[in-house]
């Protein structure tokens, strides 16, 4: 293997790592937003436990 081929293999591996890292981050953000939306589906006032109609 020449030096050019070694460098290209290393750059290819680094490119794959960056691509899959970005995919992993996007997946984690998607799952985090989904879980936050599920927990906040019916907002309830913390003080008395009733649904607050203010602001809508």
Protein backbone atom coordinates (compact mmCIF):
# COMPACT_ATOMS: atom_id res chain seq x y z
CA UNK A 1 0.00 0.00 0.00
CA UNK A 2 1.26 3.41 -0.88
CA UNK A 3 1.06 6.42 1.39
CA UNK A 4 -1.74 7.83 -0.77
CA UNK A 5 -3.89 4.74 -0.24
CA UNK A 6 -3.29 4.74 3.52
CA UNK A 7 -4.26 8.41 3.76
CA UNK A 8 -7.40 7.80 1.67
CA UNK A 9 -8.44 4.86 3.85
CA UNK A 10 -7.95 6.93 7.01
CA UNK A 11 -9.93 9.83 5.52
CA UNK A 12 -12.70 7.45 4.44
CA UNK A 13 -12.94 5.99 7.94
CA UNK A 14 -13.02 9.48 9.46
CA UNK A 15 -15.77 10.49 7.01
CA UNK A 16 -17.85 7.48 8.00
CA UNK A 17 -17.36 8.24 11.70
CA UNK A 18 -18.48 11.85 11.20
CA UNK A 19 -21.52 10.76 9.16
CA UNK A 20 -22.69 8.19 11.69
CA UNK A 21 -21.98 10.62 14.54
CA UNK A 22 -24.25 13.19 12.91
CA UNK A 23 -26.92 10.55 12.40
CA UNK A 24 -26.67 9.52 16.04
CA UNK A 25 -26.98 13.13 17.24
CA UNK A 26 -30.01 13.71 15.00
CA UNK A 27 -31.64 10.54 16.33
CA UNK A 28 -31.05 11.57 19.94
CA UNK A 29 -32.50 15.05 19.31
CA UNK A 30 -35.55 13.50 17.62
CA UNK A 31 -36.16 11.11 20.49
CA UNK A 32 -35.66 13.88 23.06
CA UNK A 33 -38.20 16.15 21.35
CA UNK A 34 -40.65 13.27 21.06
CA UNK A 35 -40.43 12.44 24.76
CA UNK A 36 -40.80 16.11 25.77
CA UNK A 37 -43.91 16.47 23.60
CA UNK A 38 -45.41 13.30 25.06
CA UNK A 39 -44.86 14.49 28.66
CA UNK A 40 -46.30 17.95 27.96
CA UNK A 41 -49.39 16.84 26.02
CA UNK A 42 -51.84 18.10 28.68
CA UNK A 43 -50.29 20.96 30.65
CA UNK A 44 -51.62 21.18 34.18
CA UNK A 45 -51.07 24.05 36.60
CA UNK A 46 -48.55 23.07 39.27
CA UNK A 47 -50.27 24.96 42.09
CA UNK A 48 -53.79 23.51 42.08
CA UNK A 49 -53.70 20.68 39.52
CA UNK A 50 -56.25 22.30 37.22
CA UNK A 51 -55.81 22.98 33.53
CA UNK A 52 -54.82 26.59 32.98
CA UNK A 53 -56.66 28.29 30.10
CA UNK A 54 -54.56 31.47 30.24
CA UNK A 55 -52.49 32.31 27.19
CA UNK A 56 -54.56 30.38 24.68
